Every structure is written in C-alpha cells, then in structure tokens.
Amino acid sequence: MRDRELRCVICDIELPFETPPCVDGHDEECPELLCTRCGAAEIVAPVTIRVLLSAGGSRVAPQQRRAA
C-alpha cells in the first residue's frame, strides 16, 4: 500500500492517506484513498475540462439569424 499525505476534510488536518486493496485491478494506481486516522474515503482522479470554441465572431445563434 502506498501512502500520500493529504488534507482530510473530516479531521481538518494533513494526514497520511493509504491506498486500500483494490478489487478493480488498479493496484498502486488506485484512485481511492483512505484517511489513516478516521477512515474517510477520498477519490483522486484527473479532471477533464472541455471547452467549446466558436469558429466565427458572431454571437447570434443560427436560429435567430433566420428570423427577421
């Protein structure tokens, strides 16, 4: 089991978190961590942000352009 030091939201201090035995096959890279003091679970996973960029400079929706 690998230990990481994180801030526990329950204990409100920085404590070591350990990786529990993973049944999903992640082994050491399991995103689930447990606080060694209170047992609170935390999931550490990457966050993906998608941004939609418009190609043109027009801010009017296509449906509004046809109505006149």
C-alpha atoms as a PDB file:
ATOM      1  CA  MET A   1       0.000   0.000   0.000  1.00  0.00           C
ATOM      2  CA  ARG A   2       1.241   3.452  -0.939  1.00  0.00           C
ATOM      3  CA  ASP A   3       0.849   6.401   1.444  1.00  0.00           C
ATOM      4  CA  ARG A   4       0.188  10.018   0.471  1.00  0.00           C
ATOM      5  CA  GLU A   5      -0.219  12.997   2.751  1.00  0.00           C
ATOM      6  CA  LEU A   6      -3.420  14.967   2.067  1.00  0.00           C
ATOM      7  CA  ARG A   7      -5.761  17.250   3.994  1.00  0.00           C
ATOM      8  CA  CYS A   8      -8.651  15.252   5.461  1.00  0.00           C
ATOM      9  CA  VAL A   9     -11.943  17.162   5.344  1.00  0.00           C
ATOM     10  CA  ILE A  10     -13.249  15.272   8.399  1.00  0.00           C
ATOM     11  CA  CYS A  11     -10.172  15.598  10.639  1.00  0.00           C
ATOM     12  CA  ASP A  12      -9.337  19.090   9.223  1.00  0.00           C
ATOM     13  CA  ILE A  13      -5.567  18.437   9.279  1.00  0.00           C
ATOM     14  CA  GLU A  14      -2.962  16.955   6.930  1.00  0.00           C
ATOM     15  CA  LEU A  15      -2.667  13.227   7.489  1.00  0.00           C
ATOM     16  CA  PRO A  16      -1.308  10.240   5.609  1.00  0.00           C
ATOM     17  CA  PHE A  17      -3.815   8.542   3.302  1.00  0.00           C
ATOM     18  CA  GLU A  18      -3.319   4.953   2.219  1.00  0.00           C
ATOM     19  CA  THR A  19      -4.463   3.037  -0.813  1.00  0.00           C
ATOM     20  CA  PRO A  20      -6.794   0.186   0.179  1.00  0.00           C
ATOM     21  CA  PRO A  21      -6.604  -3.208  -1.536  1.00  0.00           C
ATOM     22  CA  CYS A  22      -8.133  -2.549  -4.965  1.00  0.00           C
ATOM     23  CA  VAL A  23     -10.601  -5.100  -6.323  1.00  0.00           C
ATOM     24  CA  ASP A  24     -10.763  -3.274  -9.689  1.00  0.00           C
ATOM     25  CA  GLY A  25      -7.200  -4.209 -10.606  1.00  0.00           C
ATOM     26  CA  HIS A  26      -5.650  -0.726 -10.267  1.00  0.00           C
ATOM     27  CA  ASP A  27      -3.075  -1.948  -7.720  1.00  0.00           C
ATOM     28  CA  GLU A  28      -0.834   1.008  -6.709  1.00  0.00           C
ATOM     29  CA  GLU A  29      -2.562   3.423  -9.129  1.00  0.00           C
ATOM     30  CA  CYS A  30      -5.989   3.085  -7.475  1.00  0.00           C
ATOM     31  CA  PRO A  31      -7.748   6.495  -7.283  1.00  0.00           C
ATOM     32  CA  GLU A  32      -9.322   5.643  -3.901  1.00  0.00           C
ATOM     33  CA  LEU A  33      -7.514   6.735  -0.750  1.00  0.00           C
ATOM     34  CA  LEU A  34      -8.438   6.290   2.924  1.00  0.00           C
ATOM     35  CA  CYS A  35      -7.536   8.597   5.828  1.00  0.00           C
ATOM     36  CA  THR A  36      -5.388   6.657   8.299  1.00  0.00           C
ATOM     37  CA  ARG A  37      -6.999   8.441  11.263  1.00  0.00           C
ATOM     38  CA  CYS A  38     -10.769   8.426  10.615  1.00  0.00           C
ATOM     39  CA  GLY A  39     -11.111   6.185   7.544  1.00  0.00           C
ATOM     40  CA  ALA A  40     -12.726   8.864   5.343  1.00  0.00           C
ATOM     41  CA  ALA A  41     -12.516   7.941   1.678  1.00  0.00           C
ATOM     42  CA  GLU A  42     -11.241  10.296  -0.998  1.00  0.00           C
ATOM     43  CA  ILE A  43     -11.082   9.729  -4.726  1.00  0.00           C
ATOM     44  CA  VAL A  44      -8.162  11.270  -6.572  1.00  0.00           C
ATOM     45  CA  ALA A  45      -8.845  11.300 -10.291  1.00  0.00           C
ATOM     46  CA  PRO A  46      -7.843  13.555 -13.177  1.00  0.00           C
ATOM     47  CA  VAL A  47     -10.369  16.187 -14.202  1.00  0.00           C
ATOM     48  CA  THR A  48     -11.147  16.674 -17.890  1.00  0.00           C
ATOM     49  CA  ILE A  49     -12.444  20.071 -18.979  1.00  0.00           C
ATOM     50  CA  ARG A  50     -13.913  20.503 -22.438  1.00  0.00           C
ATOM     51  CA  VAL A  51     -14.238  23.967 -23.950  1.00  0.00           C
ATOM     52  CA  LEU A  52     -16.397  24.714 -26.966  1.00  0.00           C
ATOM     53  CA  LEU A  53     -14.876  27.420 -29.135  1.00  0.00           C
ATOM     54  CA  SER A  54     -16.876  29.026 -31.920  1.00  0.00           C
ATOM     55  CA  ALA A  55     -15.227  29.436 -35.311  1.00  0.00           C
ATOM     56  CA  GLY A  56     -16.894  32.748 -36.192  1.00  0.00           C
ATOM     57  CA  GLY A  57     -17.092  36.077 -34.441  1.00  0.00           C
ATOM     58  CA  SER A  58     -20.897  36.144 -34.494  1.00  0.00           C
ATOM     59  CA  ARG A  59     -22.615  35.749 -31.150  1.00  0.00           C
ATOM     60  CA  VAL A  60     -26.105  35.220 -32.617  1.00  0.00           C
ATOM     61  CA  ALA A  61     -27.464  31.673 -32.699  1.00  0.00           C
ATOM     62  CA  PRO A  62     -28.246  30.252 -36.183  1.00  0.00           C
ATOM     63  CA  GLN A  63     -31.964  30.000 -35.371  1.00  0.00           C
ATOM     64  CA  GLN A  64     -32.087  33.715 -34.542  1.00  0.00           C
ATOM     65  CA  ARG A  65     -30.395  34.717 -37.807  1.00  0.00           C
ATOM     66  CA  ARG A  66     -33.216  33.271 -39.911  1.00  0.00           C
ATOM     67  CA  ALA A  67     -35.999  35.060 -38.031  1.00  0.00           C
ATOM     68  CA  ALA A  68     -36.498  38.629 -39.193  1.00  0.00           C
END
